[in-house]
C-alpha atoms as a PDB file:
ATOM      1  CA  MET A   1      74.213  10.334  15.586  1.00  0.00           C
ATOM      2  CA  THR A   2      71.352  12.743  15.785  1.00  0.00           C
ATOM      3  CA  GLY A   3      71.051  15.963  13.898  1.00  0.00           C
ATOM      4  CA  ALA A   4      72.438  19.241  15.158  1.00  0.00           C
ATOM      5  CA  PHE A   5      71.690  22.810  14.176  1.00  0.00           C
ATOM      6  CA  ALA A   6      72.993  26.330  14.677  1.00  0.00           C
ATOM      7  CA  LEU A   7      71.222  29.618  14.046  1.00  0.00           C
ATOM      8  CA  ARG A   8      73.125  31.959  11.749  1.00  0.00           C
ATOM      9  CA  GLU A   9      72.556  35.669  11.226  1.00  0.00           C
ATOM     10  CA  HIS A  10      71.607  36.557   7.671  1.00  0.00           C
ATOM     11  CA  THR A  11      71.076  40.272   6.927  1.00  0.00           C
ATOM     12  CA  ALA A  12      67.474  40.922   8.002  1.00  0.00           C
ATOM     13  CA  ASP A  13      66.622  37.217   8.041  1.00  0.00           C
ATOM     14  CA  VAL A  14      67.706  34.184  10.045  1.00  0.00           C
ATOM     15  CA  ALA A  15      69.361  31.033   8.737  1.00  0.00           C
ATOM     16  CA  VAL A  16      69.606  27.522  10.117  1.00  0.00           C
ATOM     17  CA  GLU A  17      72.680  25.420   9.413  1.00  0.00           C
ATOM     18  CA  ALA A  18      72.289  21.740  10.256  1.00  0.00           C
ATOM     19  CA  THR A  19      74.112  18.435  10.049  1.00  0.00           C
ATOM     20  CA  GLY A  20      73.033  14.857  10.584  1.00  0.00           C
ATOM     21  CA  ASP A  21      73.948  11.290   9.822  1.00  0.00           C
ATOM     22  CA  SER A  22      71.034  10.942   7.388  1.00  0.00           C
ATOM     23  CA  ALA A  23      68.706  13.057   5.302  1.00  0.00           C
ATOM     24  CA  SER A  24      65.970  12.342   7.858  1.00  0.00           C
ATOM     25  CA  THR A  25      67.984  13.597  10.826  1.00  0.00           C
ATOM     26  CA  VAL A  26      69.154  16.734   9.024  1.00  0.00           C
ATOM     27  CA  PHE A  27      65.540  17.578   8.040  1.00  0.00           C
ATOM     28  CA  ALA A  28      64.504  17.156  11.693  1.00  0.00           C
ATOM     29  CA  ALA A  29      67.443  19.305  12.832  1.00  0.00           C
ATOM     30  CA  VAL A  30      66.461  22.112  10.438  1.00  0.00           C
ATOM     31  CA  ALA A  31      62.882  21.919  11.753  1.00  0.00           C
ATOM     32  CA  ASP A  32      64.191  22.117  15.327  1.00  0.00           C
ATOM     33  CA  GLY A  33      66.263  25.120  14.237  1.00  0.00           C
ATOM     34  CA  LEU A  34      63.118  26.747  12.858  1.00  0.00           C
ATOM     35  CA  SER A  35      61.511  26.287  16.288  1.00  0.00           C
ATOM     36  CA  ALA A  36      64.566  27.768  18.011  1.00  0.00           C
ATOM     37  CA  ALA A  37      64.473  30.768  15.671  1.00  0.00           C
ATOM     38  CA  GLN A  38      60.951  31.435  16.896  1.00  0.00           C
ATOM     39  CA  CYS A  39      61.285  30.735  20.603  1.00  0.00           C
ATOM     40  CA  ASP A  40      64.189  30.790  23.074  1.00  0.00           C
ATOM     41  CA  ASP A  41      62.555  28.647  25.757  1.00  0.00           C
ATOM     42  CA  VAL A  42      60.376  25.722  24.685  1.00  0.00           C
ATOM     43  CA  PRO A  43      58.464  23.828  27.414  1.00  0.00           C
ATOM     44  CA  ALA A  44      59.752  20.273  27.830  1.00  0.00           C
ATOM     45  CA  THR A  45      56.225  18.875  28.015  1.00  0.00           C
ATOM     46  CA  GLY A  46      52.745  19.673  26.768  1.00  0.00           C
ATOM     47  CA  GLY A  47      51.215  19.811  23.359  1.00  0.00           C
ATOM     48  CA  ALA A  48      49.864  16.991  21.248  1.00  0.00           C
ATOM     49  CA  ARG A  49      51.887  15.378  18.470  1.00  0.00           C
ATOM     50  CA  PHE A  50      50.656  15.854  14.932  1.00  0.00           C
ATOM     51  CA  ALA A  51      51.708  14.351  11.621  1.00  0.00           C
ATOM     52  CA  VAL A  52      52.969  15.916   8.403  1.00  0.00           C
ATOM     53  CA  GLU A  53      53.325  14.055   5.109  1.00  0.00           C
ATOM     54  CA  ARG A  54      54.764  15.595   1.950  1.00  0.00           C
ATOM     55  CA  GLU A  55      56.111  14.474  -1.433  1.00  0.00           C
ATOM     56  CA  ALA A  56      58.377  16.276  -3.889  1.00  0.00           C
ATOM     57  CA  GLU A  57      60.533  15.737  -6.959  1.00  0.00           C
ATOM     58  CA  ASP A  58      63.781  16.602  -5.156  1.00  0.00           C
ATOM     59  CA  LEU A  59      65.154  17.051  -1.650  1.00  0.00           C
ATOM     60  CA  GLU A  60      65.252  20.864  -1.883  1.00  0.00           C
ATOM     61  CA  GLY A  61      61.577  20.976  -2.812  1.00  0.00           C
ATOM     62  CA  LEU A  62      60.743  18.492  -0.072  1.00  0.00           C
ATOM     63  CA  LEU A  63      62.591  20.509   2.579  1.00  0.00           C
ATOM     64  CA  TYR A  64      60.975  23.753   1.402  1.00  0.00           C
ATOM     65  CA  ASP A  65      57.487  22.207   1.410  1.00  0.00           C
ATOM     66  CA  TYR A  66      57.986  20.555   4.816  1.00  0.00           C
ATOM     67  CA  LEU A  67      59.209  23.716   6.533  1.00  0.00           C
ATOM     68  CA  GLY A  68      56.450  25.732   4.881  1.00  0.00           C
ATOM     69  CA  ARG A  69      53.927  23.249   6.268  1.00  0.00           C
ATOM     70  CA  LEU A  70      55.343  23.673   9.787  1.00  0.00           C
ATOM     71  CA  ILE A  71      54.914  27.457   9.458  1.00  0.00           C
ATOM     72  CA  TYR A  72      51.358  26.859   8.210  1.00  0.00           C
ATOM     73  CA  GLU A  73      50.620  24.637  11.235  1.00  0.00           C
ATOM     74  CA  ARG A  74      51.874  27.429  13.492  1.00  0.00           C
ATOM     75  CA  ASP A  75      49.689  30.017  11.780  1.00  0.00           C
ATOM     76  CA  VAL A  76      46.509  27.947  11.436  1.00  0.00           C
ATOM     77  CA  ARG A  77      46.599  25.739  14.535  1.00  0.00           C
ATOM     78  CA  GLY A  78      48.369  28.210  16.803  1.00  0.00           C
ATOM     79  CA  VAL A  79      51.131  25.777  17.759  1.00  0.00           C
ATOM     80  CA  LEU A  80      54.915  25.882  17.713  1.00  0.00           C
ATOM     81  CA  PRO A  81      56.154  22.599  16.160  1.00  0.00           C
ATOM     82  CA  VAL A  82      58.951  21.173  18.341  1.00  0.00           C
ATOM     83  CA  ASP A  83      60.605  17.775  18.939  1.00  0.00           C
ATOM     84  CA  ASN A  84      60.487  17.032  15.230  1.00  0.00           C
ATOM     85  CA  ASP A  85      60.896  13.461  13.995  1.00  0.00           C
ATOM     86  CA  VAL A  86      61.313  12.823  10.254  1.00  0.00           C
ATOM     87  CA  THR A  87      61.564   9.811   7.968  1.00  0.00           C
ATOM     88  CA  ILE A  88      62.424  10.341   4.303  1.00  0.00           C
ATOM     89  CA  SER A  89      61.954   7.647   1.714  1.00  0.00           C
ATOM     90  CA  ARG A  90      62.458   7.551  -1.997  1.00  0.00           C
ATOM     91  CA  LEU A  91      59.785   6.401  -4.427  1.00  0.00           C
ATOM     92  CA  ASP A  92      61.523   4.744  -7.339  1.00  0.00           C
ATOM     93  CA  THR A  93      60.197   4.669 -10.902  1.00  0.00           C
ATOM     94  CA  GLU A  94      58.061   1.593 -10.142  1.00  0.00           C
ATOM     95  CA  GLY A  95      56.336   3.527  -7.351  1.00  0.00           C
ATOM     96  CA  SER A  96      57.703   1.460  -4.497  1.00  0.00           C
ATOM     97  CA  ASP A  97      58.884   3.104  -1.322  1.00  0.00           C
ATOM     98  CA  ARG A  98      62.398   2.558   0.048  1.00  0.00           C
ATOM     99  CA  ALA A  99      64.395   4.251   2.750  1.00  0.00           C
ATOM    100  CA  HIS A 100      66.474   7.110   1.408  1.00  0.00           C
ATOM    101  CA  ASP A 101      69.023   7.014   4.191  1.00  0.00           C
ATOM    102  CA  GLU A 102      70.601   3.764   2.966  1.00  0.00           C
ATOM    103  CA  GLY A 103      72.914   5.849   0.790  1.00  0.00           C
ATOM    104  CA  SER A 104      72.383   7.696  -2.424  1.00  0.00           C
ATOM    105  CA  ASP A 105      72.843   6.804  -6.025  1.00  0.00           C
ATOM    106  CA  GLU A 106      72.888   9.840  -8.327  1.00  0.00           C
ATOM    107  CA  ALA A 107      71.302   7.988 -11.256  1.00  0.00           C
ATOM    108  CA  ALA A 108      68.471   6.730  -9.051  1.00  0.00           C
ATOM    109  CA  ARG A 109      67.963  10.216  -7.585  1.00  0.00           C
ATOM    110  CA  ASP A 110      67.259  11.581 -11.074  1.00  0.00           C
ATOM    111  CA  ASP A 111      64.218   9.307 -11.482  1.00  0.00           C
ATOM    112  CA  ALA A 112      62.976   9.449  -7.906  1.00  0.00           C
ATOM    113  CA  ARG A 113      60.313  11.253  -5.977  1.00  0.00           C
ATOM    114  CA  TYR A 114      60.802  11.729  -2.274  1.00  0.00           C
ATOM    115  CA  ARG A 115      58.310  11.189   0.512  1.00  0.00           C
ATOM    116  CA  LEU A 116      58.494  12.680   3.995  1.00  0.00           C
ATOM    117  CA  ALA A 117      56.583  11.349   6.992  1.00  0.00           C
ATOM    118  CA  ALA A 118      57.095  13.475  10.088  1.00  0.00           C
ATOM    119  CA  THR A 119      55.654  14.207  13.490  1.00  0.00           C
ATOM    120  CA  ALA A 120      56.056  17.176  15.787  1.00  0.00           C
ATOM    121  CA  ARG A 121      54.830  18.181  19.208  1.00  0.00           C
ATOM    122  CA  GLY A 122      52.617  21.252  18.880  1.00  0.00           C
ATOM    123  CA  VAL A 123      53.192  23.605  21.820  1.00  0.00           C
ATOM    124  CA  ASP A 124      50.377  26.126  22.238  1.00  0.00           C
ATOM    125  CA  LEU A 125      51.690  29.530  21.128  1.00  0.00           C
ATOM    126  CA  ALA A 126      49.940  31.110  24.131  1.00  0.00           C
ATOM    127  CA  ALA A 127      52.323  29.125  26.376  1.00  0.00           C
ATOM    128  CA  VAL A 128      55.516  30.564  24.831  1.00  0.00           C
ATOM    129  CA  ASP A 129      56.999  33.914  23.910  1.00  0.00           C
ATOM    130  CA  ALA A 130      57.359  33.336  20.167  1.00  0.00           C
ATOM    131  CA  ARG A 131      58.812  35.512  17.419  1.00  0.00           C
ATOM    132  CA  GLU A 132      57.359  35.386  13.939  1.00  0.00           C
ATOM    133  CA  VAL A 133      59.139  33.658  11.102  1.00  0.00           C
ATOM    134  CA  LYS A 134      57.189  34.611   7.984  1.00  0.00           C
ATOM    135  CA  ALA A 135      58.395  32.061   5.452  1.00  0.00           C
ATOM    136  CA  VAL A 136      61.055  29.638   4.306  1.00  0.00           C
ATOM    137  CA  THR A 137      63.029  30.736   1.239  1.00  0.00           C
ATOM    138  CA  PHE A 138      64.870  28.953  -1.545  1.00  0.00           C
ATOM    139  CA  SER A 139      67.546  31.666  -1.292  1.00  0.00           C
ATOM    140  CA  GLN A 140      70.902  29.956  -0.664  1.00  0.00           C
ATOM    141  CA  MET A 141      69.189  26.667   0.322  1.00  0.00           C
ATOM    142  CA  VAL A 142      71.538  23.692   0.456  1.00  0.00           C
ATOM    143  CA  ILE A 143      70.722  20.073   1.228  1.00  0.00           C
ATOM    144  CA  GLU A 144      73.463  17.618   0.361  1.00  0.00           C
ATOM    145  CA  GLU A 145      75.428  14.609   1.425  1.00  0.00           C
ATOM    146  CA  ARG A 146      79.021  15.438   2.360  1.00  0.00           C
ATOM    147  CA  GLY A 147      81.039  12.298   2.883  1.00  0.00           C
ATOM    148  CA  ASP A 148      79.385  10.376   5.714  1.00  0.00           C
ATOM    149  CA  GLU A 149      77.257  13.327   6.852  1.00  0.00           C
ATOM    150  CA  TRP A 150      74.286  15.315   5.572  1.00  0.00           C
ATOM    151  CA  TYR A 151      74.353  19.122   5.542  1.00  0.00           C
ATOM    152  CA  ALA A 152      71.584  21.713   5.178  1.00  0.00           C
ATOM    153  CA  TYR A 153      71.458  25.492   5.140  1.00  0.00           C
ATOM    154  CA  VAL A 154      68.103  27.266   5.034  1.00  0.00           C
ATOM    155  CA  VAL A 155      67.219  30.976   5.180  1.00  0.00           C
ATOM    156  CA  PHE A 156      63.946  32.100   6.753  1.00  0.00           C
ATOM    157  CA  ASP A 157      62.221  35.420   6.177  1.00  0.00           C
ATOM    158  CA  VAL A 158      61.534  37.157   9.512  1.00  0.00           C
END
């Protein structure tokens, strides 16, 4: 299963609600939702892929930092990040890296740091009619495992 997203109205802001079969796919789906919030019609080709790597103490912080970095890439490089691909791993207390999507263990999550390695295709902003999303917010942010599915809800300031 791949991730899926839906844009949700949120007072003066916009929210992305996403699901996926893993933390990695739900992060990618939220990032794709961020792109959709900015542009209705993304070209199917064009734009070079670029990499993003982040680390954080928890999944909420990692998602916030990742999405903030995508907004930064848009602002500094003048590209709309699309076709997002994400891999999340957990660094355990010994510092070794292991895939996070193998399932979660609450006790292990308390001692873990998370690492994100992602790529996106950067479409030149001059090639699209893009709306501005100013920032990601922690307001009402949710990232959690629900049964056999991951769920995320993120509000963006527009």
